[in-house]
PDB file of N, CA and C in Angstrom:
ATOM      1  N   MET A   1     124.311 170.371  37.648  1.00  0.00           N
ATOM      2  CA  MET A   1     123.814 171.482  38.459  1.00  0.00           C
ATOM      3  C   MET A   1     124.953 172.489  38.659  1.00  0.00           C
ATOM      4  N   ALA A   2     124.596 173.734  38.629  1.00  0.00           N
ATOM      5  CA  ALA A   2     125.546 174.817  38.839  1.00  0.00           C
ATOM      6  C   ALA A   2     125.487 175.255  40.308  1.00  0.00           C
ATOM      7  N   THR A   3     126.579 175.861  40.769  1.00  0.00           N
ATOM      8  CA  THR A   3     126.669 176.325  42.151  1.00  0.00           C
ATOM      9  C   THR A   3     126.557 177.845  42.184  1.00  0.00           C
ATOM     10  N   PHE A   4     125.783 178.340  43.146  1.00  0.00           N
ATOM     11  CA  PHE A   4     125.589 179.775  43.325  1.00  0.00           C
ATOM     12  C   PHE A   4     125.778 180.127  44.796  1.00  0.00           C
ATOM     13  N   VAL A   5     126.341 181.296  45.049  1.00  0.00           N
ATOM     14  CA  VAL A   5     126.517 181.829  46.391  1.00  0.00           C
ATOM     15  C   VAL A   5     125.565 183.008  46.530  1.00  0.00           C
ATOM     16  N   VAL A   6     124.701 182.951  47.525  1.00  0.00           N
ATOM     17  CA  VAL A   6     123.786 184.065  47.780  1.00  0.00           C
ATOM     18  C   VAL A   6     124.187 184.695  49.114  1.00  0.00           C
ATOM     19  N   LEU A   7     124.603 185.953  49.049  1.00  0.00           N
ATOM     20  CA  LEU A   7     124.945 186.726  50.236  1.00  0.00           C
ATOM     21  C   LEU A   7     123.746 187.599  50.563  1.00  0.00           C
ATOM     22  N   ALA A   8     123.356 187.656  51.830  1.00  0.00           N
ATOM     23  CA  ALA A   8     122.151 188.415  52.187  1.00  0.00           C
ATOM     24  C   ALA A   8     122.392 189.321  53.390  1.00  0.00           C
ATOM     25  N   LYS A   9     121.703 190.460  53.330  1.00  0.00           N
ATOM     26  CA  LYS A   9     121.624 191.375  54.464  1.00  0.00           C
ATOM     27  C   LYS A   9     120.167 191.366  54.917  1.00  0.00           C
ATOM     28  N   TRP A  10     119.955 191.207  56.210  1.00  0.00           N
ATOM     29  CA  TRP A  10     118.602 191.151  56.732  1.00  0.00           C
ATOM     30  C   TRP A  10     117.988 192.546  56.813  1.00  0.00           C
ATOM     31  N   THR A  11     116.666 192.585  56.712  1.00  0.00           N
ATOM     32  CA  THR A  11     115.892 193.824  56.828  1.00  0.00           C
ATOM     33  C   THR A  11     114.887 193.641  57.963  1.00  0.00           C
ATOM     34  N   GLU A  12     114.132 194.685  58.245  1.00  0.00           N
ATOM     35  CA  GLU A  12     113.099 194.578  59.282  1.00  0.00           C
ATOM     36  C   GLU A  12     112.129 193.436  58.960  1.00  0.00           C
ATOM     37  N   LYS A  13     111.770 193.293  57.682  1.00  0.00           N
ATOM     38  CA  LYS A  13     110.873 192.207  57.274  1.00  0.00           C
ATOM     39  C   LYS A  13     111.517 190.846  57.544  1.00  0.00           C
ATOM     40  N   SER A  14     112.820 190.749  57.325  1.00  0.00           N
ATOM     41  CA  SER A  14     113.544 189.494  57.600  1.00  0.00           C
ATOM     42  C   SER A  14     113.474 189.153  59.082  1.00  0.00           C
ATOM     43  N   PHE A  15     113.719 190.163  59.926  1.00  0.00           N
ATOM     44  CA  PHE A  15     113.689 189.934  61.367  1.00  0.00           C
ATOM     45  C   PHE A  15     112.299 189.511  61.839  1.00  0.00           C
ATOM     46  N   GLU A  16     111.266 190.090  61.260  1.00  0.00           N
ATOM     47  CA  GLU A  16     109.903 189.685  61.606  1.00  0.00           C
ATOM     48  C   GLU A  16     109.671 188.224  61.225  1.00  0.00           C
ATOM     49  N   ALA A  17     110.119 187.836  60.018  1.00  0.00           N
ATOM     50  CA  ALA A  17     109.944 186.454  59.554  1.00  0.00           C
ATOM     51  C   ALA A  17     110.688 185.474  60.449  1.00  0.00           C
ATOM     52  N   MET A  18     111.849 185.886  60.960  1.00  0.00           N
ATOM     53  CA  MET A  18     112.679 184.993  61.774  1.00  0.00           C
ATOM     54  C   MET A  18     112.027 184.645  63.110  1.00  0.00           C
ATOM     55  N   LYS A  19     111.004 185.396  63.512  1.00  0.00           N
ATOM     56  CA  LYS A  19     110.303 185.095  64.765  1.00  0.00           C
ATOM     57  C   LYS A  19     109.509 183.797  64.667  1.00  0.00           C
ATOM     58  N   ASP A  20     109.206 183.379  63.436  1.00  0.00           N
ATOM     59  CA  ASP A  20     108.449 182.145  63.213  1.00  0.00           C
ATOM     60  C   ASP A  20     109.431 180.987  63.027  1.00  0.00           C
ATOM     61  N   PRO A  21     109.443 180.001  63.948  1.00  0.00           N
ATOM     62  CA  PRO A  21     110.388 178.896  63.847  1.00  0.00           C
ATOM     63  C   PRO A  21     110.208 178.032  62.602  1.00  0.00           C
ATOM     64  N   ALA A  22     109.055 178.120  61.947  1.00  0.00           N
ATOM     65  CA  ALA A  22     108.800 177.300  60.759  1.00  0.00           C
ATOM     66  C   ALA A  22     109.439 177.874  59.495  1.00  0.00           C
ATOM     67  N   VAL A  23     109.915 179.115  59.555  1.00  0.00           N
ATOM     68  CA  VAL A  23     110.439 179.772  58.355  1.00  0.00           C
ATOM     69  C   VAL A  23     111.605 179.005  57.740  1.00  0.00           C
ATOM     70  N   CYS A  24     112.486 178.513  58.539  1.00  0.00           N
ATOM     71  CA  CYS A  24     113.650 177.779  58.023  1.00  0.00           C
ATOM     72  C   CYS A  24     113.218 176.609  57.139  1.00  0.00           C
ATOM     73  N   GLU A  25     112.288 175.822  57.618  1.00  0.00           N
ATOM     74  CA  GLU A  25     111.806 174.677  56.834  1.00  0.00           C
ATOM     75  C   GLU A  25     111.023 175.133  55.608  1.00  0.00           C
ATOM     76  N   GLU A  26     110.284 176.235  55.740  1.00  0.00           N
ATOM     77  CA  GLU A  26     109.547 176.791  54.600  1.00  0.00           C
ATOM     78  C   GLU A  26     110.512 177.193  53.485  1.00  0.00           C
ATOM     79  N   VAL A  27     111.597 177.852  53.857  1.00  0.00           N
ATOM     80  CA  VAL A  27     112.592 178.282  52.871  1.00  0.00           C
ATOM     81  C   VAL A  27     113.178 177.070  52.150  1.00  0.00           C
ATOM     82  N   LYS A  28     113.543 176.049  52.909  1.00  0.00           N
ATOM     83  CA  LYS A  28     114.097 174.831  52.292  1.00  0.00           C
ATOM     84  C   LYS A  28     113.106 174.218  51.306  1.00  0.00           C
ATOM     85  N   LYS A  29     111.835 174.208  51.668  1.00  0.00           N
ATOM     86  CA  LYS A  29     110.808 173.627  50.795  1.00  0.00           C
ATOM     87  C   LYS A  29     110.630 174.460  49.527  1.00  0.00           C
ATOM     88  N   ILE A  30     110.602 175.765  49.670  1.00  0.00           N
ATOM     89  CA  ILE A  30     110.473 176.642  48.502  1.00  0.00           C
ATOM     90  C   ILE A  30     111.626 176.402  47.536  1.00  0.00           C
ATOM     91  N   VAL A  31     112.833 176.356  48.062  1.00  0.00           N
ATOM     92  CA  VAL A  31     114.020 176.144  47.222  1.00  0.00           C
ATOM     93  C   VAL A  31     113.935 174.797  46.513  1.00  0.00           C
ATOM     94  N   LYS A  32     113.594 173.758  47.250  1.00  0.00           N
ATOM     95  CA  LYS A  32     113.497 172.418  46.657  1.00  0.00           C
ATOM     96  C   LYS A  32     112.383 172.354  45.609  1.00  0.00           C
ATOM     97  N   ASP A  33     111.224 172.920  45.940  1.00  0.00           N
ATOM     98  CA  ASP A  33     110.093 172.908  45.012  1.00  0.00           C
ATOM     99  C   ASP A  33     110.396 173.663  43.723  1.00  0.00           C
ATOM    100  N   MET A  34     111.325 174.617  43.789  1.00  0.00           N
ATOM    101  CA  MET A  34     111.687 175.390  42.607  1.00  0.00           C
ATOM    102  C   MET A  34     112.860 174.764  41.842  1.00  0.00           C
ATOM    103  N   GLY A  35     113.299 173.576  42.274  1.00  0.00           N
ATOM    104  CA  GLY A  35     114.293 172.832  41.512  1.00  0.00           C
ATOM    105  C   GLY A  35     115.738 172.998  41.917  1.00  0.00           C
ATOM    106  N   ALA A  36     115.975 173.519  43.120  1.00  0.00           N
ATOM    107  CA  ALA A  36     117.355 173.710  43.581  1.00  0.00           C
ATOM    108  C   ALA A  36     117.548 173.019  44.931  1.00  0.00           C
ATOM    109  N   GLU A  37     118.776 173.075  45.426  1.00  0.00           N
ATOM    110  CA  GLU A  37     119.097 172.452  46.713  1.00  0.00           C
ATOM    111  C   GLU A  37     120.034 173.354  47.494  1.00  0.00           C
ATOM    112  N   ILE A  38     119.739 173.540  48.767  1.00  0.00           N
ATOM    113  CA  ILE A  38     120.641 174.273  49.648  1.00  0.00           C
ATOM    114  C   ILE A  38     121.736 173.312  50.082  1.00  0.00           C
ATOM    115  N   LYS A  39     122.973 173.630  49.714  1.00  0.00           N
ATOM    116  CA  LYS A  39     124.110 172.775  50.077  1.00  0.00           C
ATOM    117  C   LYS A  39     124.708 173.185  51.418  1.00  0.00           C
ATOM    118  N   ALA A  40     124.640 174.491  51.733  1.00  0.00           N
ATOM    119  CA  ALA A  40     125.168 174.986  53.006  1.00  0.00           C
ATOM    120  C   ALA A  40     124.556 176.342  53.297  1.00  0.00           C
ATOM    121  N   TRP A  41     124.451 176.675  54.588  1.00  0.00           N
ATOM    122  CA  TRP A  41     123.961 177.974  55.018  1.00  0.00           C
ATOM    123  C   TRP A  41     124.718 178.359  56.273  1.00  0.00           C
ATOM    124  N   TYR A  42     125.148 179.618  56.335  1.00  0.00           N
ATOM    125  CA  TYR A  42     125.868 180.118  57.507  1.00  0.00           C
ATOM    126  C   TYR A  42     125.399 181.523  57.841  1.00  0.00           C
ATOM    127  N   MET A  43     125.283 181.812  59.129  1.00  0.00           N
ATOM    128  CA  MET A  43     125.098 183.181  59.588  1.00  0.00           C
ATOM    129  C   MET A  43     126.495 183.791  59.636  1.00  0.00           C
ATOM    130  N   LEU A  44     126.612 185.053  59.253  1.00  0.00           N
ATOM    131  CA  LEU A  44     127.914 185.702  59.150  1.00  0.00           C
ATOM    132  C   LEU A  44     128.042 186.886  60.097  1.00  0.00           C
ATOM    133  N   MET A  45     129.281 187.269  60.353  1.00  0.00           N
ATOM    134  CA  MET A  45     129.594 188.515  61.034  1.00  0.00           C
ATOM    135  C   MET A  45     130.294 189.379  59.991  1.00  0.00           C
ATOM    136  N   GLY A  46     129.906 190.631  59.893  1.00  0.00           N
ATOM    137  CA  GLY A  46     130.550 191.508  58.927  1.00  0.00           C
ATOM    138  C   GLY A  46     129.546 192.164  58.009  1.00  0.00           C
ATOM    139  N   GLN A  47     129.945 192.384  56.766  1.00  0.00           N
ATOM    140  CA  GLN A  47     129.132 193.115  55.800  1.00  0.00           C
ATOM    141  C   GLN A  47     127.802 192.428  55.488  1.00  0.00           C
ATOM    142  N   TYR A  48     127.781 191.102  55.497  1.00  0.00           N
ATOM    143  CA  TYR A  48     126.569 190.339  55.203  1.00  0.00           C
ATOM    144  C   TYR A  48     126.128 189.579  56.444  1.00  0.00           C
ATOM    145  N   ASP A  49     124.838 189.257  56.509  1.00  0.00           N
ATOM    146  CA  ASP A  49     124.288 188.541  57.657  1.00  0.00           C
ATOM    147  C   ASP A  49     124.239 187.040  57.449  1.00  0.00           C
ATOM    148  N   GLU A  50     124.162 186.605  56.184  1.00  0.00           N
ATOM    149  CA  GLU A  50     124.120 185.168  55.910  1.00  0.00           C
ATOM    150  C   GLU A  50     124.665 184.873  54.530  1.00  0.00           C
ATOM    151  N   ILE A  51     125.057 183.621  54.364  1.00  0.00           N
ATOM    152  CA  ILE A  51     125.490 183.102  53.069  1.00  0.00           C
ATOM    153  C   ILE A  51     124.786 181.769  52.846  1.00  0.00           C
ATOM    154  N   CYS A  52     124.308 181.579  51.637  1.00  0.00           N
ATOM    155  CA  CYS A  52     123.658 180.327  51.278  1.00  0.00           C
ATOM    156  C   CYS A  52     124.315 179.810  50.007  1.00  0.00           C
ATOM    157  N   ILE A  53     124.721 178.561  50.026  1.00  0.00           N
ATOM    158  CA  ILE A  53     125.298 177.917  48.850  1.00  0.00           C
ATOM    159  C   ILE A  53     124.202 177.053  48.241  1.00  0.00           C
ATOM    160  N   LEU A  54     123.850 177.355  46.998  1.00  0.00           N
ATOM    161  CA  LEU A  54     122.783 176.636  46.298  1.00  0.00           C
ATOM    162  C   LEU A  54     123.340 175.874  45.102  1.00  0.00           C
ATOM    163  N   GLU A  55     122.727 174.756  44.815  1.00  0.00           N
ATOM    164  CA  GLU A  55     122.940 174.079  43.539  1.00  0.00           C
ATOM    165  C   GLU A  55     121.623 174.168  42.792  1.00  0.00           C
ATOM    166  N   ALA A  56     121.708 174.630  41.546  1.00  0.00           N
ATOM    167  CA  ALA A  56     120.508 174.820  40.735  1.00  0.00           C
ATOM    168  C   ALA A  56     120.845 174.536  39.277  1.00  0.00           C
ATOM    169  N   PRO A  57     119.831 174.238  38.474  1.00  0.00           N
ATOM    170  CA  PRO A  57     120.103 173.939  37.069  1.00  0.00           C
ATOM    171  C   PRO A  57     120.618 175.134  36.279  1.00  0.00           C
ATOM    172  N   ASP A  58     120.237 176.375  36.687  1.00  0.00           N
ATOM    173  CA  ASP A  58     120.658 177.548  35.924  1.00  0.00           C
ATOM    174  C   ASP A  58     120.418 178.822  36.731  1.00  0.00           C
ATOM    175  N   ALA A  59     120.930 179.928  36.206  1.00  0.00           N
ATOM    176  CA  ALA A  59     120.809 181.222  36.883  1.00  0.00           C
ATOM    177  C   ALA A  59     119.359 181.689  36.961  1.00  0.00           C
ATOM    178  N   GLU A  60     118.573 181.350  35.961  1.00  0.00           N
ATOM    179  CA  GLU A  60     117.171 181.761  35.968  1.00  0.00           C
ATOM    180  C   GLU A  60     116.427 181.162  37.156  1.00  0.00           C
ATOM    181  N   THR A  61     116.720 179.911  37.470  1.00  0.00           N
ATOM    182  CA  THR A  61     116.096 179.253  38.624  1.00  0.00           C
ATOM    183  C   THR A  61     116.465 179.979  39.909  1.00  0.00           C
ATOM    184  N   VAL A  62     117.732 180.315  40.052  1.00  0.00           N
ATOM    185  CA  VAL A  62     118.184 181.018  41.255  1.00  0.00           C
ATOM    186  C   VAL A  62     117.543 182.404  41.333  1.00  0.00           C
ATOM    187  N   ALA A  63     117.438 183.078  40.213  1.00  0.00           N
ATOM    188  CA  ALA A  63     116.797 184.397  40.202  1.00  0.00           C
ATOM    189  C   ALA A  63     115.349 184.295  40.676  1.00  0.00           C
ATOM    190  N   ARG A  64     114.631 183.270  40.214  1.00  0.00           N
ATOM    191  CA  ARG A  64     113.242 183.083  40.652  1.00  0.00           C
ATOM    192  C   ARG A  64     113.181 182.799  42.153  1.00  0.00           C
ATOM    193  N   ILE A  65     114.092 181.979  42.646  1.00  0.00           N
ATOM    194  CA  ILE A  65     114.130 181.643  44.073  1.00  0.00           C
ATOM    195  C   ILE A  65     114.408 182.887  44.904  1.00  0.00           C
ATOM    196  N   VAL A  66     115.442 183.623  44.542  1.00  0.00           N
ATOM    197  CA  VAL A  66     115.820 184.816  45.310  1.00  0.00           C
ATOM    198  C   VAL A  66     114.686 185.834  45.293  1.00  0.00           C
ATOM    199  N   LEU A  67     114.066 186.022  44.162  1.00  0.00           N
ATOM    200  CA  LEU A  67     112.945 186.962  44.072  1.00  0.00           C
ATOM    201  C   LEU A  67     111.783 186.521  44.968  1.00  0.00           C
ATOM    202  N   ALA A  68     111.430 185.252  44.889  1.00  0.00           N
ATOM    203  CA  ALA A  68     110.321 184.739  45.706  1.00  0.00           C
ATOM    204  C   ALA A  68     110.604 184.880  47.199  1.00  0.00           C
ATOM    205  N   LEU A  69     111.821 184.510  47.615  1.00  0.00           N
ATOM    206  CA  LEU A  69     112.161 184.582  49.038  1.00  0.00           C
ATOM    207  C   LEU A  69     112.254 186.025  49.523  1.00  0.00           C
ATOM    208  N   THR A  70     112.794 186.908  48.694  1.00  0.00           N
ATOM    209  CA  THR A  70     112.902 188.313  49.077  1.00  0.00           C
ATOM    210  C   THR A  70     111.523 188.945  49.208  1.00  0.00           C
ATOM    211  N   MET A  71     110.631 188.623  48.293  1.00  0.00           N
ATOM    212  CA  MET A  71     109.275 189.167  48.366  1.00  0.00           C
ATOM    213  C   MET A  71     108.559 188.685  49.631  1.00  0.00           C
ATOM    214  N   LYS A  72     108.788 187.419  49.984  1.00  0.00           N
ATOM    215  CA  LYS A  72     108.080 186.843  51.132  1.00  0.00           C
ATOM    216  C   LYS A  72     108.718 187.211  52.473  1.00  0.00           C
ATOM    217  N   TYR A  73     110.061 187.193  52.529  1.00  0.00           N
ATOM    218  CA  TYR A  73     110.752 187.326  53.815  1.00  0.00           C
ATOM    219  C   TYR A  73     111.623 188.572  53.938  1.00  0.00           C
ATOM    220  N   GLY A  74     111.751 189.359  52.874  1.00  0.00           N
ATOM    221  CA  GLY A  74     112.596 190.540  52.932  1.00  0.00           C
ATOM    222  C   GLY A  74     114.057 190.190  52.715  1.00  0.00           C
ATOM    223  N   GLY A  75     114.913 191.164  52.932  1.00  0.00           N
ATOM    224  CA  GLY A  75     116.347 190.990  52.755  1.00  0.00           C
ATOM    225  C   GLY A  75     116.842 191.666  51.489  1.00  0.00           C
ATOM    226  N   LYS A  76     118.147 191.825  51.432  1.00  0.00           N
ATOM    227  CA  LYS A  76     118.828 192.367  50.256  1.00  0.00           C
ATOM    228  C   LYS A  76     119.931 191.375  49.924  1.00  0.00           C
ATOM    229  N   THR A  77     120.009 190.981  48.663  1.00  0.00           N
ATOM    230  CA  THR A  77     120.931 189.900  48.312  1.00  0.00           C
ATOM    231  C   THR A  77     121.894 190.292  47.206  1.00  0.00           C
ATOM    232  N   GLU A  78     122.974 189.553  47.164  1.00  0.00           N
ATOM    233  CA  GLU A  78     123.932 189.585  46.067  1.00  0.00           C
ATOM    234  C   GLU A  78     124.202 188.127  45.722  1.00  0.00           C
ATOM    235  N   THR A  79     124.034 187.774  44.459  1.00  0.00           N
ATOM    236  CA  THR A  79     124.177 186.383  44.042  1.00  0.00           C
ATOM    237  C   THR A  79     125.362 186.249  43.098  1.00  0.00           C
ATOM    238  N   LEU A  80     126.167 185.239  43.335  1.00  0.00           N
ATOM    239  CA  LEU A  80     127.370 184.983  42.548  1.00  0.00           C
ATOM    240  C   LEU A  80     127.341 183.562  41.996  1.00  0.00           C
ATOM    241  N   ARG A  81     127.787 183.381  40.779  1.00  0.00           N
ATOM    242  CA  ARG A  81     127.966 182.029  40.224  1.00  0.00           C
ATOM    243  C   ARG A  81     129.332 181.560  40.693  1.00  0.00           C
ATOM    244  N   ALA A  82     129.394 180.381  41.260  1.00  0.00           N
ATOM    245  CA  ALA A  82     130.653 179.815  41.752  1.00  0.00           C
ATOM    246  C   ALA A  82     131.051 178.638  40.867  1.00  0.00           C
ATOM    247  N   PHE A  83     132.328 178.565  40.529  1.00  0.00           N
ATOM    248  CA  PHE A  83     132.845 177.493  39.685  1.00  0.00           C
ATOM    249  C   PHE A  83     133.769 176.603  40.501  1.00  0.00           C
ATOM    250  N   SER A  84     133.558 175.314  40.423  1.00  0.00           N
ATOM    251  CA  SER A  84     134.425 174.358  41.129  1.00  0.00           C
ATOM    252  C   SER A  84     135.813 174.395  40.490  1.00  0.00           C
ATOM    253  N   GLU A  85     136.762 173.762  41.135  1.00  0.00           N
ATOM    254  CA  GLU A  85     138.115 173.687  40.582  1.00  0.00           C
ATOM    255  C   GLU A  85     138.090 173.026  39.202  1.00  0.00           C
ATOM    256  N   GLU A  86     137.312 171.963  39.079  1.00  0.00           N
ATOM    257  CA  GLU A  86     137.221 171.252  37.795  1.00  0.00           C
ATOM    258  C   GLU A  86     136.623 172.148  36.707  1.00  0.00           C
ATOM    259  N   GLU A  87     135.579 172.889  37.050  1.00  0.00           N
ATOM    260  CA  GLU A  87     134.971 173.809  36.083  1.00  0.00           C
ATOM    261  C   GLU A  87     135.956 174.921  35.705  1.00  0.00           C
ATOM    262  N   ALA A  88     136.662 175.437  36.700  1.00  0.00           N
ATOM    263  CA  ALA A  88     137.614 176.510  36.454  1.00  0.00           C
ATOM    264  C   ALA A  88     138.739 176.057  35.520  1.00  0.00           C
ATOM    265  N   LYS A  89     139.187 174.816  35.676  1.00  0.00           N
ATOM    266  CA  LYS A  89     140.231 174.289  34.800  1.00  0.00           C
ATOM    267  C   LYS A  89     139.774 174.265  33.339  1.00  0.00           C
ATOM    268  N   LYS A  90     138.512 174.001  33.113  1.00  0.00           N
ATOM    269  CA  LYS A  90     137.981 173.986  31.747  1.00  0.00           C
ATOM    270  C   LYS A  90     137.852 175.388  31.176  1.00  0.00           C
ATOM    271  N   ILE A  91     137.630 176.364  32.055  1.00  0.00           N
ATOM    272  CA  ILE A  91     137.424 177.750  31.632  1.00  0.00           C
ATOM    273  C   ILE A  91     138.760 178.476  31.385  1.00  0.00           C
ATOM    274  N   CYS A  92     139.715 178.269  32.269  1.00  0.00           N
ATOM    275  CA  CYS A  92     140.983 179.001  32.210  1.00  0.00           C
ATOM    276  C   CYS A  92     141.823 178.552  31.020  1.00  0.00           C
ATOM    277  N   PRO A  93     142.320 179.498  30.220  1.00  0.00           N
ATOM    278  CA  PRO A  93     143.089 179.141  29.016  1.00  0.00           C
ATOM    279  C   PRO A  93     144.354 178.338  29.335  1.00  0.00           C
ATOM    280  N   SER A  94     144.959 178.586  30.481  1.00  0.00           N
ATOM    281  CA  SER A  94     146.215 177.885  30.804  1.00  0.00           C
ATOM    282  C   SER A  94     145.987 176.402  31.080  1.00  0.00           C
ATOM    283  N   HIS A  95     144.733 176.012  31.322  1.00  0.00           N
ATOM    284  CA  HIS A  95     144.429 174.604  31.595  1.00  0.00           C
ATOM    285  C   HIS A  95     143.710 173.928  30.443  1.00  0.00           C
ATOM    286  N   GLY A  96     143.446 174.670  29.363  1.00  0.00           N
ATOM    287  CA  GLY A  96     142.692 174.126  28.244  1.00  0.00           C
ATOM    288  C   GLY A  96     143.503 173.213  27.444  1.00  0.00           C
TER     289      GLY A  96
END
């Protein structure tokens, strides 16, 4: 499984969705049903409102998840592929 970082900014639609206490569990279920796992989630102060660390089989899966959640709950996201130290060692020429 690959690791992805999703940074999000909330919108009016996001704030409306947050009024429903069931949304958190719904989001977890959507992510799991689409083949990924939320490893961590944090509310942030600063440029972004939240960060979610996902493990998923590939970028296409994450793209489908982000699209589905954005359509349903709103928000604006930026998604990054994150490489563990072990993965980075395999990628970096100095460690090859």
